[in-house]
Amino acid sequence: LELGVNTGRGEIFWRMVQGWHNTIHIDPPRRLVATDIDTALGILSGLYLSRRAVHDNRHKVTKVRQAVKTAYTDSAKIAPHLVEAPLVNAVGKPRKFDFGVAVEHERMLEISNSFSFARKSTTDVLDSTEAWTWRVDNIRSAGGRAILDDREIEIPSDTPVVAFVYPPNTTEQKETFVSATASWKELEIDVVEVSNIGNHTWQLEQRIG
């Protein structure tokens, strides 16, 4: 990465944020040893094409999260109440949710997280959703608190919880979705696909008044 004499670090990092989704991976120089070109291409394919799939999964979650942020910040009713990355204390070590909407900065009106079910690794999906569902389950049982800098916001046990999702495509992914979300209806978790964020935003505006 050559910064150049006329390019400051701030500009470089801003380009990374905008174009690389806050992620940068730099490989050290390595020697590739192979008996022929086909073997070499196979090794490179395993190293980089599989990694690209992982990055694509992350990109889908980023796409969902960014769509929610754009819709909420563009709303004159929601924007003043939007809380980004609230640290939710419900059970175990506090963990971040993607967004919260707080009424008068005293009580959460909604908390949400983003997921992608269009992923090849079903284990990763199940692990992440299971941990998140466990926290929501505890909120439903006893409520929780959102920690924001030097203050806390109450999360009542009946606070609307939203899962914004990038939907599954393949049969296997759909089966994973069903398995991962088996208890979401019982926990009253609202599932909103990325294509339906606009409609959900409108409904939330009506609740704010």
N, C-alpha and C. Protein backbone atom coordinates (compact mmCIF):
# COMPACT_ATOMS: atom_id res chain seq x y z
N LEU A 1 0.85 -1.19 0.00
CA LEU A 1 0.00 0.00 0.00
C LEU A 1 0.88 1.24 0.00
N GLU A 2 0.92 1.93 -1.11
CA GLU A 2 1.71 3.14 -1.20
C GLU A 2 0.82 4.34 -0.93
N LEU A 3 1.09 5.04 0.19
CA LEU A 3 0.25 6.18 0.54
C LEU A 3 0.45 7.35 -0.41
N GLY A 4 1.66 7.51 -0.90
CA GLY A 4 1.92 8.62 -1.81
C GLY A 4 2.18 9.91 -1.04
N VAL A 5 2.81 10.85 -1.68
CA VAL A 5 3.20 12.09 -1.00
C VAL A 5 2.02 13.03 -0.79
N ASN A 6 0.98 12.88 -1.60
CA ASN A 6 -0.15 13.80 -1.51
C ASN A 6 -1.40 13.19 -0.86
N THR A 7 -1.26 11.98 -0.35
CA THR A 7 -2.40 11.29 0.23
C THR A 7 -2.18 11.06 1.72
N GLY A 8 -3.07 11.60 2.53
CA GLY A 8 -2.94 11.44 3.97
C GLY A 8 -3.55 10.14 4.45
N ARG A 9 -3.21 9.76 5.65
CA ARG A 9 -3.74 8.52 6.21
C ARG A 9 -5.26 8.57 6.32
N GLY A 10 -5.80 9.73 6.70
CA GLY A 10 -7.24 9.86 6.85
C GLY A 10 -7.98 9.50 5.57
N GLU A 11 -7.48 9.98 4.44
CA GLU A 11 -8.12 9.69 3.16
C GLU A 11 -8.02 8.21 2.82
N ILE A 12 -6.85 7.61 3.10
CA ILE A 12 -6.67 6.19 2.82
C ILE A 12 -7.66 5.36 3.63
N PHE A 13 -7.77 5.67 4.93
CA PHE A 13 -8.67 4.90 5.78
C PHE A 13 -10.13 5.12 5.39
N TRP A 14 -10.46 6.33 4.94
CA TRP A 14 -11.82 6.61 4.51
C TRP A 14 -12.16 5.76 3.28
N ARG A 15 -11.21 5.62 2.36
CA ARG A 15 -11.44 4.79 1.18
C ARG A 15 -11.67 3.33 1.60
N MET A 16 -10.90 2.89 2.60
CA MET A 16 -11.07 1.52 3.09
C MET A 16 -12.47 1.31 3.65
N VAL A 17 -12.92 2.28 4.44
CA VAL A 17 -14.25 2.19 5.05
C VAL A 17 -15.33 2.12 3.99
N GLN A 18 -15.23 3.00 2.98
CA GLN A 18 -16.25 3.08 1.95
C GLN A 18 -16.23 1.90 0.99
N GLY A 19 -15.06 1.50 0.58
CA GLY A 19 -14.96 0.48 -0.46
C GLY A 19 -14.68 -0.93 0.01
N TRP A 20 -14.06 -1.03 1.20
CA TRP A 20 -13.65 -2.36 1.66
C TRP A 20 -14.42 -2.81 2.89
N HIS A 21 -15.47 -2.08 3.26
CA HIS A 21 -16.33 -2.47 4.38
C HIS A 21 -15.54 -2.68 5.67
N ASN A 22 -14.58 -1.80 5.93
CA ASN A 22 -13.79 -1.81 7.15
C ASN A 22 -12.89 -3.04 7.28
N THR A 23 -12.72 -3.78 6.22
CA THR A 23 -11.93 -5.02 6.30
C THR A 23 -10.77 -4.96 5.32
N ILE A 24 -9.59 -5.30 5.82
CA ILE A 24 -8.42 -5.39 4.95
C ILE A 24 -7.62 -6.62 5.36
N HIS A 25 -7.18 -7.38 4.37
CA HIS A 25 -6.39 -8.58 4.63
C HIS A 25 -5.15 -8.52 3.76
N ILE A 26 -3.98 -8.54 4.39
CA ILE A 26 -2.71 -8.46 3.66
C ILE A 26 -1.94 -9.76 3.89
N ASP A 27 -1.68 -10.49 2.83
CA ASP A 27 -0.91 -11.72 2.94
C ASP A 27 0.59 -11.42 2.85
N PRO A 28 1.40 -12.12 3.63
CA PRO A 28 2.85 -11.98 3.49
C PRO A 28 3.30 -12.68 2.21
N PRO A 29 4.47 -12.33 1.68
CA PRO A 29 4.97 -13.02 0.49
C PRO A 29 5.18 -14.50 0.78
N ARG A 30 4.77 -15.35 -0.16
CA ARG A 30 4.93 -16.79 0.02
C ARG A 30 5.36 -17.43 -1.29
N ARG A 31 6.00 -18.60 -1.18
CA ARG A 31 6.43 -19.33 -2.37
C ARG A 31 5.44 -20.46 -2.64
N LEU A 32 4.98 -20.55 -3.88
CA LEU A 32 4.05 -21.60 -4.26
C LEU A 32 4.82 -22.69 -5.00
N VAL A 33 4.79 -23.89 -4.44
CA VAL A 33 5.50 -25.02 -5.04
C VAL A 33 4.47 -26.01 -5.58
N ALA A 34 4.53 -26.29 -6.88
CA ALA A 34 3.59 -27.22 -7.50
C ALA A 34 4.27 -27.92 -8.66
N THR A 35 3.79 -29.13 -8.96
CA THR A 35 4.39 -29.91 -10.04
C THR A 35 4.00 -29.41 -11.41
N ASP A 36 2.83 -28.77 -11.53
CA ASP A 36 2.38 -28.25 -12.81
C ASP A 36 1.41 -27.10 -12.57
N ILE A 37 1.00 -26.43 -13.67
CA ILE A 37 0.15 -25.25 -13.56
C ILE A 37 -1.23 -25.58 -13.00
N ASP A 38 -1.77 -26.75 -13.35
CA ASP A 38 -3.10 -27.12 -12.85
C ASP A 38 -3.09 -27.28 -11.33
N THR A 39 -2.04 -27.88 -10.81
CA THR A 39 -1.91 -28.04 -9.36
C THR A 39 -1.78 -26.69 -8.69
N ALA A 40 -0.99 -25.80 -9.31
CA ALA A 40 -0.80 -24.46 -8.75
C ALA A 40 -2.12 -23.70 -8.71
N LEU A 41 -2.91 -23.80 -9.78
CA LEU A 41 -4.20 -23.12 -9.82
C LEU A 41 -5.15 -23.71 -8.78
N GLY A 42 -5.06 -25.01 -8.57
CA GLY A 42 -5.90 -25.64 -7.55
C GLY A 42 -5.58 -25.13 -6.16
N ILE A 43 -4.30 -24.94 -5.88
CA ILE A 43 -3.88 -24.41 -4.58
C ILE A 43 -4.36 -22.98 -4.40
N LEU A 44 -4.17 -22.17 -5.44
CA LEU A 44 -4.62 -20.78 -5.38
C LEU A 44 -6.13 -20.69 -5.23
N SER A 45 -6.83 -21.57 -5.91
CA SER A 45 -8.30 -21.58 -5.81
C SER A 45 -8.75 -21.87 -4.39
N GLY A 46 -8.08 -22.85 -3.77
CA GLY A 46 -8.43 -23.19 -2.38
C GLY A 46 -8.14 -22.06 -1.42
N LEU A 47 -7.07 -21.31 -1.70
CA LEU A 47 -6.67 -20.22 -0.81
C LEU A 47 -7.58 -19.00 -0.95
N TYR A 48 -7.91 -18.64 -2.19
CA TYR A 48 -8.55 -17.35 -2.41
C TYR A 48 -10.03 -17.42 -2.79
N LEU A 49 -10.44 -18.40 -3.55
CA LEU A 49 -11.85 -18.47 -3.90
C LEU A 49 -12.70 -18.84 -2.70
N SER A 50 -12.21 -19.74 -1.87
CA SER A 50 -12.96 -20.10 -0.66
C SER A 50 -13.02 -18.91 0.28
N ARG A 51 -11.93 -18.15 0.36
CA ARG A 51 -11.91 -16.97 1.21
C ARG A 51 -12.90 -15.94 0.67
N ARG A 52 -13.01 -15.84 -0.65
CA ARG A 52 -13.95 -14.88 -1.24
C ARG A 52 -15.37 -15.21 -0.82
N ALA A 53 -15.70 -16.50 -0.69
CA ALA A 53 -17.04 -16.89 -0.26
C ALA A 53 -17.31 -16.40 1.15
N VAL A 54 -16.30 -16.50 2.02
CA VAL A 54 -16.45 -16.01 3.39
C VAL A 54 -16.67 -14.51 3.39
N HIS A 55 -15.88 -13.80 2.58
CA HIS A 55 -16.04 -12.35 2.48
C HIS A 55 -17.41 -11.99 1.93
N ASP A 56 -17.92 -12.81 1.00
CA ASP A 56 -19.23 -12.55 0.42
C ASP A 56 -20.32 -12.69 1.48
N ASN A 57 -20.14 -13.67 2.37
CA ASN A 57 -21.09 -13.83 3.47
C ASN A 57 -21.10 -12.60 4.35
N ARG A 58 -19.92 -12.10 4.67
CA ARG A 58 -19.82 -10.90 5.51
C ARG A 58 -20.43 -9.70 4.79
N HIS A 59 -20.23 -9.66 3.48
CA HIS A 59 -20.76 -8.54 2.71
C HIS A 59 -22.29 -8.52 2.76
N LYS A 60 -22.91 -9.70 2.73
CA LYS A 60 -24.37 -9.76 2.78
C LYS A 60 -24.89 -9.21 4.10
N VAL A 61 -24.23 -9.57 5.20
CA VAL A 61 -24.65 -9.04 6.51
C VAL A 61 -24.44 -7.53 6.54
N THR A 62 -23.31 -7.08 6.00
CA THR A 62 -23.03 -5.64 5.94
C THR A 62 -24.09 -4.92 5.11
N LYS A 63 -24.51 -5.55 4.02
CA LYS A 63 -25.54 -4.96 3.16
C LYS A 63 -26.85 -4.79 3.92
N VAL A 64 -27.23 -5.80 4.67
CA VAL A 64 -28.47 -5.71 5.46
C VAL A 64 -28.35 -4.61 6.51
N ARG A 65 -27.24 -4.63 7.23
CA ARG A 65 -27.03 -3.64 8.30
C ARG A 65 -27.04 -2.22 7.75
N GLN A 66 -26.39 -2.02 6.60
CA GLN A 66 -26.33 -0.69 6.01
C GLN A 66 -27.70 -0.25 5.51
N ALA A 67 -28.49 -1.18 5.01
CA ALA A 67 -29.84 -0.85 4.54
C ALA A 67 -30.71 -0.39 5.69
N VAL A 68 -30.57 -1.05 6.84
CA VAL A 68 -31.33 -0.65 8.03
C VAL A 68 -30.90 0.74 8.48
N LYS A 69 -29.59 0.94 8.55
CA LYS A 69 -29.08 2.23 9.00
C LYS A 69 -29.54 3.36 8.09
N THR A 70 -29.49 3.14 6.79
CA THR A 70 -29.92 4.16 5.83
C THR A 70 -31.40 4.49 6.00
N ALA A 71 -32.22 3.44 6.12
CA ALA A 71 -33.67 3.66 6.26
C ALA A 71 -33.99 4.41 7.55
N TYR A 72 -33.31 4.05 8.63
CA TYR A 72 -33.59 4.66 9.92
C TYR A 72 -33.06 6.09 10.02
N THR A 73 -31.88 6.33 9.49
CA THR A 73 -31.32 7.68 9.58
C THR A 73 -32.01 8.63 8.61
N ASP A 74 -32.61 8.10 7.55
CA ASP A 74 -33.35 8.93 6.60
C ASP A 74 -34.75 9.29 7.13
N SER A 75 -35.18 8.62 8.18
CA SER A 75 -36.50 8.87 8.75
C SER A 75 -36.41 9.98 9.80
N ALA A 76 -37.15 11.05 9.58
CA ALA A 76 -37.14 12.17 10.53
C ALA A 76 -37.68 11.77 11.89
N LYS A 77 -38.53 10.75 11.91
CA LYS A 77 -39.11 10.30 13.18
C LYS A 77 -38.19 9.35 13.94
N ILE A 78 -37.48 8.49 13.21
CA ILE A 78 -36.66 7.47 13.86
C ILE A 78 -35.27 7.97 14.19
N ALA A 79 -34.68 8.76 13.29
CA ALA A 79 -33.29 9.18 13.44
C ALA A 79 -32.94 9.75 14.82
N PRO A 80 -33.77 10.63 15.42
CA PRO A 80 -33.42 11.19 16.73
C PRO A 80 -33.37 10.15 17.85
N HIS A 81 -34.00 9.00 17.62
CA HIS A 81 -34.08 7.97 18.65
C HIS A 81 -33.15 6.78 18.37
N LEU A 82 -32.43 6.82 17.25
CA LEU A 82 -31.61 5.69 16.84
C LEU A 82 -30.37 5.55 17.72
N VAL A 83 -30.11 4.34 18.15
CA VAL A 83 -28.91 4.02 18.93
C VAL A 83 -28.14 2.95 18.17
N GLU A 84 -26.90 3.24 17.78
CA GLU A 84 -26.09 2.28 17.04
C GLU A 84 -25.24 1.45 17.98
N ALA A 85 -25.20 0.15 17.70
CA ALA A 85 -24.39 -0.81 18.44
C ALA A 85 -24.57 -0.73 19.95
N PRO A 86 -25.82 -0.81 20.44
CA PRO A 86 -26.01 -0.80 21.90
C PRO A 86 -25.44 -2.06 22.52
N LEU A 87 -24.77 -1.91 23.64
CA LEU A 87 -24.21 -3.05 24.38
C LEU A 87 -25.31 -3.57 25.30
N VAL A 88 -25.83 -4.73 24.98
CA VAL A 88 -26.99 -5.27 25.70
C VAL A 88 -26.55 -6.19 26.82
N ASN A 89 -26.97 -5.85 28.03
CA ASN A 89 -26.66 -6.65 29.21
C ASN A 89 -27.92 -7.42 29.61
N ALA A 90 -27.96 -8.70 29.22
CA ALA A 90 -29.13 -9.52 29.53
C ALA A 90 -28.73 -10.80 30.25
N VAL A 91 -27.65 -11.42 29.80
CA VAL A 91 -27.15 -12.64 30.43
C VAL A 91 -25.69 -12.81 30.03
N GLY A 92 -24.87 -13.28 30.96
CA GLY A 92 -23.46 -13.44 30.66
C GLY A 92 -22.79 -12.10 30.41
N LYS A 93 -21.77 -12.11 29.57
CA LYS A 93 -21.06 -10.88 29.23
C LYS A 93 -21.89 -10.04 28.26
N PRO A 94 -22.02 -8.72 28.50
CA PRO A 94 -22.79 -7.87 27.58
C PRO A 94 -22.28 -7.99 26.14
N ARG A 95 -23.21 -8.04 25.21
CA ARG A 95 -22.86 -8.15 23.80
C ARG A 95 -23.59 -7.08 23.00
N LYS A 96 -22.99 -6.70 21.87
CA LYS A 96 -23.59 -5.65 21.05
C LYS A 96 -24.69 -6.19 20.14
N PHE A 97 -25.77 -5.45 20.07
CA PHE A 97 -26.77 -5.64 19.03
C PHE A 97 -26.46 -4.59 17.96
N ASP A 98 -27.05 -4.71 16.79
CA ASP A 98 -26.75 -3.75 15.72
C ASP A 98 -27.37 -2.37 15.99
N PHE A 99 -28.67 -2.39 16.34
CA PHE A 99 -29.36 -1.11 16.52
C PHE A 99 -30.38 -1.19 17.65
N GLY A 100 -30.67 -0.02 18.18
CA GLY A 100 -31.75 0.12 19.13
C GLY A 100 -32.48 1.42 18.81
N VAL A 101 -33.74 1.48 19.16
CA VAL A 101 -34.51 2.72 19.02
C VAL A 101 -35.04 3.03 20.41
N ALA A 102 -34.59 4.15 20.98
CA ALA A 102 -34.89 4.48 22.37
C ALA A 102 -35.85 5.66 22.47
N VAL A 103 -36.85 5.50 23.26
CA VAL A 103 -37.82 6.57 23.50
C VAL A 103 -37.28 7.49 24.59
N GLU A 104 -37.04 8.75 24.22
CA GLU A 104 -36.53 9.75 25.16
C GLU A 104 -35.27 9.26 25.89
N HIS A 105 -34.52 8.37 25.23
CA HIS A 105 -33.27 7.85 25.78
C HIS A 105 -33.46 7.21 27.15
N GLU A 106 -34.66 6.71 27.41
CA GLU A 106 -34.93 6.07 28.69
C GLU A 106 -35.39 4.63 28.56
N ARG A 107 -36.03 4.30 27.44
CA ARG A 107 -36.57 2.96 27.26
C ARG A 107 -36.46 2.54 25.80
N MET A 108 -36.01 1.31 25.58
CA MET A 108 -35.89 0.80 24.23
C MET A 108 -37.25 0.50 23.63
N LEU A 109 -37.48 1.02 22.44
CA LEU A 109 -38.71 0.74 21.71
C LEU A 109 -38.51 -0.44 20.76
N GLU A 110 -37.24 -0.71 20.42
CA GLU A 110 -36.91 -1.82 19.53
C GLU A 110 -35.41 -2.08 19.60
N ILE A 111 -35.03 -3.34 19.53
CA ILE A 111 -33.63 -3.71 19.36
C ILE A 111 -33.55 -4.70 18.21
N SER A 112 -32.42 -4.70 17.50
CA SER A 112 -32.35 -5.54 16.30
C SER A 112 -30.94 -6.02 16.02
N ASN A 113 -30.87 -7.05 15.19
CA ASN A 113 -29.60 -7.58 14.71
C ASN A 113 -29.78 -8.03 13.26
N SER A 114 -28.67 -8.11 12.53
CA SER A 114 -28.71 -8.49 11.11
C SER A 114 -28.07 -9.86 10.91
N PHE A 115 -28.64 -10.64 10.00
CA PHE A 115 -28.14 -11.99 9.72
C PHE A 115 -28.20 -12.27 8.23
N SER A 116 -27.32 -13.16 7.78
CA SER A 116 -27.40 -13.66 6.41
C SER A 116 -27.57 -15.17 6.48
N PHE A 117 -28.62 -15.66 5.83
CA PHE A 117 -28.84 -17.10 5.75
C PHE A 117 -28.47 -17.64 4.38
N ALA A 118 -27.94 -16.78 3.52
CA ALA A 118 -27.45 -17.22 2.21
C ALA A 118 -25.97 -17.53 2.33
N ARG A 119 -25.66 -18.50 3.19
CA ARG A 119 -24.28 -18.85 3.48
C ARG A 119 -24.06 -20.34 3.30
N LYS A 120 -22.82 -20.68 2.98
CA LYS A 120 -22.48 -22.09 2.78
C LYS A 120 -22.26 -22.81 4.10
N SER A 121 -21.70 -22.10 5.07
CA SER A 121 -21.38 -22.73 6.35
C SER A 121 -22.60 -22.71 7.27
N THR A 122 -23.30 -23.83 7.35
CA THR A 122 -24.48 -23.90 8.21
C THR A 122 -24.10 -23.85 9.68
N THR A 123 -22.91 -24.37 10.01
CA THR A 123 -22.48 -24.37 11.41
C THR A 123 -22.32 -22.96 11.94
N ASP A 124 -21.69 -22.08 11.16
CA ASP A 124 -21.50 -20.69 11.58
C ASP A 124 -22.84 -19.99 11.79
N VAL A 125 -23.79 -20.24 10.89
CA VAL A 125 -25.10 -19.61 11.01
C VAL A 125 -25.80 -20.08 12.28
N LEU A 126 -25.79 -21.36 12.51
CA LEU A 126 -26.46 -21.91 13.68
C LEU A 126 -25.83 -21.43 14.98
N ASP A 127 -24.50 -21.35 15.00
CA ASP A 127 -23.81 -20.89 16.20
C ASP A 127 -24.16 -19.44 16.53
N SER A 128 -24.12 -18.57 15.52
CA SER A 128 -24.37 -17.15 15.76
C SER A 128 -25.82 -16.89 16.15
N THR A 129 -26.75 -17.57 15.47
CA THR A 129 -28.16 -17.35 15.79
C THR A 129 -28.52 -17.96 17.14
N GLU A 130 -27.92 -19.07 17.48
CA GLU A 130 -28.21 -19.71 18.76
C GLU A 130 -27.80 -18.82 19.93
N ALA A 131 -26.60 -18.22 19.84
CA ALA A 131 -26.12 -17.34 20.90
C ALA A 131 -27.02 -16.11 21.03
N TRP A 132 -27.42 -15.55 19.90
CA TRP A 132 -28.28 -14.37 19.92
C TRP A 132 -29.67 -14.70 20.46
N THR A 133 -30.21 -15.84 20.03
CA THR A 133 -31.53 -16.26 20.49
C THR A 133 -31.53 -16.47 22.00
N TRP A 134 -30.44 -17.00 22.53
CA TRP A 134 -30.32 -17.22 23.97
C TRP A 134 -30.42 -15.90 24.72
N ARG A 135 -29.84 -14.86 24.19
CA ARG A 135 -29.91 -13.55 24.84
C ARG A 135 -31.33 -12.98 24.77
N VAL A 136 -31.96 -13.15 23.62
CA VAL A 136 -33.33 -12.67 23.50
C VAL A 136 -34.24 -13.42 24.46
N ASP A 137 -34.01 -14.71 24.60
CA ASP A 137 -34.80 -15.53 25.53
C ASP A 137 -34.70 -14.97 26.95
N ASN A 138 -33.50 -14.56 27.34
CA ASN A 138 -33.31 -14.00 28.68
C ASN A 138 -33.96 -12.62 28.81
N ILE A 139 -33.95 -11.85 27.74
CA ILE A 139 -34.65 -10.56 27.76
C ILE A 139 -36.14 -10.79 27.94
N ARG A 140 -36.68 -11.80 27.26
CA ARG A 140 -38.10 -12.10 27.39
C ARG A 140 -38.44 -12.55 28.82
N SER A 141 -37.50 -13.16 29.49
CA SER A 141 -37.75 -13.66 30.84
C SER A 141 -37.62 -12.57 31.90
N ALA A 142 -36.59 -11.73 31.77
CA ALA A 142 -36.32 -10.78 32.84
C ALA A 142 -35.97 -9.37 32.38
N GLY A 143 -36.09 -9.11 31.08
CA GLY A 143 -35.70 -7.79 30.58
C GLY A 143 -34.19 -7.64 30.55
N GLY A 144 -33.72 -6.46 30.29
CA GLY A 144 -32.29 -6.21 30.24
C GLY A 144 -31.99 -4.73 30.25
N ARG A 145 -30.71 -4.40 30.04
CA ARG A 145 -30.28 -3.01 30.01
C ARG A 145 -29.35 -2.82 28.81
N ALA A 146 -29.47 -1.66 28.17
CA ALA A 146 -28.54 -1.28 27.11
C ALA A 146 -27.55 -0.28 27.67
N ILE A 147 -26.27 -0.60 27.57
CA ILE A 147 -25.22 0.24 28.12
C ILE A 147 -24.69 1.15 27.02
N LEU A 148 -24.82 2.46 27.23
CA LEU A 148 -24.37 3.44 26.25
C LEU A 148 -23.51 4.49 26.94
N ASP A 149 -22.21 4.35 26.74
CA ASP A 149 -21.26 5.28 27.35
C ASP A 149 -21.49 5.36 28.86
N ASP A 150 -21.98 6.50 29.33
CA ASP A 150 -22.12 6.70 30.78
C ASP A 150 -23.55 6.54 31.25
N ARG A 151 -24.43 5.96 30.44
CA ARG A 151 -25.81 5.79 30.87
C ARG A 151 -26.34 4.43 30.45
N GLU A 152 -27.47 4.05 31.03
CA GLU A 152 -28.12 2.80 30.70
C GLU A 152 -29.57 3.06 30.29
N ILE A 153 -30.06 2.24 29.36
CA ILE A 153 -31.43 2.35 28.91
C ILE A 153 -32.14 1.03 29.19
N GLU A 154 -33.30 1.11 29.76
CA GLU A 154 -34.06 -0.09 30.10
C GLU A 154 -34.54 -0.81 28.84
N ILE A 155 -34.47 -2.14 28.88
CA ILE A 155 -35.04 -2.98 27.82
C ILE A 155 -36.11 -3.84 28.48
N PRO A 156 -37.38 -3.42 28.44
CA PRO A 156 -38.45 -4.22 29.04
C PRO A 156 -38.55 -5.59 28.38
N SER A 157 -39.10 -6.55 29.09
CA SER A 157 -39.18 -7.92 28.58
C SER A 157 -40.04 -8.04 27.32
N ASP A 158 -40.95 -7.07 27.12
CA ASP A 158 -41.81 -7.13 25.94
C ASP A 158 -41.34 -6.22 24.80
N THR A 159 -40.09 -5.76 24.88
CA THR A 159 -39.54 -4.90 23.82
C THR A 159 -39.53 -5.64 22.48
N PRO A 160 -40.03 -5.03 21.42
CA PRO A 160 -39.97 -5.67 20.10
C PRO A 160 -38.52 -5.95 19.70
N VAL A 161 -38.28 -7.18 19.28
CA VAL A 161 -36.95 -7.60 18.82
C VAL A 161 -37.06 -7.97 17.36
N VAL A 162 -36.16 -7.42 16.54
CA VAL A 162 -36.23 -7.61 15.09
C VAL A 162 -34.96 -8.29 14.58
N ALA A 163 -35.14 -9.28 13.73
CA ALA A 163 -34.02 -9.91 13.03
C ALA A 163 -34.14 -9.52 11.56
N PHE A 164 -33.24 -8.63 11.12
CA PHE A 164 -33.21 -8.26 9.70
C PHE A 164 -32.35 -9.30 8.98
N VAL A 165 -32.89 -9.92 7.94
CA VAL A 165 -32.19 -11.05 7.35
C VAL A 165 -32.01 -10.93 5.84
N TYR A 166 -30.88 -11.47 5.39
CA TYR A 166 -30.67 -11.74 3.98
C TYR A 166 -31.16 -13.17 3.79
N PRO A 167 -32.23 -13.39 3.01
CA PRO A 167 -32.90 -14.69 2.99
C PRO A 167 -32.07 -15.81 2.36
N PRO A 168 -32.40 -17.05 2.70
CA PRO A 168 -31.70 -18.21 2.12
C PRO A 168 -32.09 -18.40 0.65
N ASN A 169 -31.21 -19.07 -0.08
CA ASN A 169 -31.48 -19.34 -1.50
C ASN A 169 -31.64 -20.82 -1.79
N THR A 170 -30.68 -21.63 -1.35
CA THR A 170 -30.69 -23.05 -1.66
C THR A 170 -31.57 -23.82 -0.68
N THR A 171 -31.85 -25.06 -1.04
CA THR A 171 -32.65 -25.92 -0.16
C THR A 171 -31.96 -26.11 1.19
N GLU A 172 -30.65 -26.32 1.17
CA GLU A 172 -29.90 -26.50 2.41
C GLU A 172 -29.96 -25.25 3.28
N GLN A 173 -29.82 -24.09 2.65
CA GLN A 173 -29.89 -22.84 3.39
C GLN A 173 -31.27 -22.62 3.99
N LYS A 174 -32.31 -23.00 3.27
CA LYS A 174 -33.68 -22.86 3.77
C LYS A 174 -33.91 -23.78 4.96
N GLU A 175 -33.32 -24.97 4.91
CA GLU A 175 -33.44 -25.90 6.04
C GLU A 175 -32.71 -25.35 7.25
N THR A 176 -31.56 -24.72 7.02
CA THR A 176 -30.81 -24.10 8.12
C THR A 176 -31.60 -22.96 8.73
N PHE A 177 -32.25 -22.18 7.87
CA PHE A 177 -33.07 -21.06 8.35
C PHE A 177 -34.19 -21.56 9.26
N VAL A 178 -34.86 -22.61 8.85
CA VAL A 178 -35.96 -23.17 9.65
C VAL A 178 -35.42 -23.65 11.00
N SER A 179 -34.28 -24.33 10.97
CA SER A 179 -33.69 -24.84 12.21
C SER A 179 -33.24 -23.72 13.13
N ALA A 180 -32.58 -22.71 12.56
CA ALA A 180 -32.01 -21.62 13.36
C ALA A 180 -33.08 -20.74 13.98
N THR A 181 -34.23 -20.65 13.32
CA THR A 181 -35.27 -19.73 13.78
C THR A 181 -36.46 -20.45 14.42
N ALA A 182 -36.26 -21.71 14.79
CA ALA A 182 -37.36 -22.53 15.29
C ALA A 182 -38.08 -21.91 16.48
N SER A 183 -37.34 -21.21 17.34
CA SER A 183 -37.95 -20.64 18.55
C SER A 183 -38.27 -19.16 18.42
N TRP A 184 -38.02 -18.58 17.25
CA TRP A 184 -38.20 -17.13 17.11
C TRP A 184 -39.65 -16.71 17.20
N LYS A 185 -40.56 -17.52 16.68
CA LYS A 185 -41.98 -17.16 16.76
C LYS A 185 -42.44 -17.14 18.21
N GLU A 186 -42.02 -18.14 18.97
CA GLU A 186 -42.39 -18.21 20.39
C GLU A 186 -41.82 -17.02 21.16
N LEU A 187 -40.63 -16.58 20.79
CA LEU A 187 -39.99 -15.45 21.46
C LEU A 187 -40.46 -14.11 20.89
N GLU A 188 -41.37 -14.16 19.93
CA GLU A 188 -41.93 -12.97 19.30
C GLU A 188 -40.84 -12.11 18.66
N ILE A 189 -39.94 -12.78 17.97
CA ILE A 189 -38.91 -12.09 17.20
C ILE A 189 -39.46 -11.84 15.80
N ASP A 190 -39.46 -10.60 15.39
CA ASP A 190 -39.99 -10.21 14.08
C ASP A 190 -38.91 -10.37 13.02
N VAL A 191 -39.17 -11.22 12.03
CA VAL A 191 -38.20 -11.46 10.95
C VAL A 191 -38.54 -10.54 9.78
N VAL A 192 -37.58 -9.70 9.41
CA VAL A 192 -37.78 -8.75 8.31
C VAL A 192 -36.70 -8.96 7.27
N GLU A 193 -37.08 -9.36 6.06
CA GLU A 193 -36.11 -9.55 4.99
C GLU A 193 -35.61 -8.20 4.49
N VAL A 194 -34.41 -8.20 3.93
CA VAL A 194 -33.78 -6.96 3.51
C VAL A 194 -34.66 -6.19 2.52
N SER A 195 -35.44 -6.90 1.71
CA SER A 195 -36.31 -6.24 0.73
C SER A 195 -37.52 -5.56 1.37
N ASN A 196 -37.77 -5.85 2.64
CA ASN A 196 -38.97 -5.33 3.30
C ASN A 196 -38.63 -4.32 4.40
N ILE A 197 -37.40 -3.83 4.41
CA ILE A 197 -36.98 -2.89 5.45
C ILE A 197 -37.78 -1.59 5.38
N GLY A 198 -38.08 -1.14 4.17
CA GLY A 198 -38.84 0.10 4.02
C GLY A 198 -40.20 0.04 4.67
N ASN A 199 -40.90 -1.06 4.49
CA ASN A 199 -42.23 -1.23 5.09
C ASN A 199 -42.14 -1.30 6.61
N HIS A 200 -41.11 -1.99 7.11
CA HIS A 200 -40.93 -2.06 8.56
C HIS A 200 -40.63 -0.67 9.13
N THR A 201 -39.83 0.09 8.41
CA THR A 201 -39.51 1.45 8.86
C THR A 201 -40.78 2.28 8.99
N TRP A 202 -41.67 2.17 8.02
CA TRP A 202 -42.94 2.90 8.07
C TRP A 202 -43.76 2.49 9.29
N GLN A 203 -43.81 1.19 9.56
CA GLN A 203 -44.57 0.71 10.71
C GLN A 203 -43.98 1.24 12.02
N LEU A 204 -42.66 1.28 12.11
CA LEU A 204 -42.01 1.81 13.31
C LEU A 204 -42.30 3.29 13.47
N GLU A 205 -42.33 4.02 12.39
CA GLU A 205 -42.67 5.45 12.45
C GLU A 205 -44.07 5.65 13.04
N GLN A 206 -45.00 4.77 12.70
CA GLN A 206 -46.36 4.89 13.22
C GLN A 206 -46.38 4.66 14.72
N ARG A 207 -45.53 3.79 15.20
CA ARG A 207 -45.47 3.51 16.64
C ARG A 207 -44.87 4.68 17.40
N ILE A 208 -43.91 5.36 16.78
CA ILE A 208 -43.30 6.52 17.43
C ILE A 208 -44.29 7.67 17.48
N GLY A 209 -45.09 7.80 16.40
CA GLY A 209 -46.12 8.85 16.39
C GLY A 209 -45.64 10.15 15.81
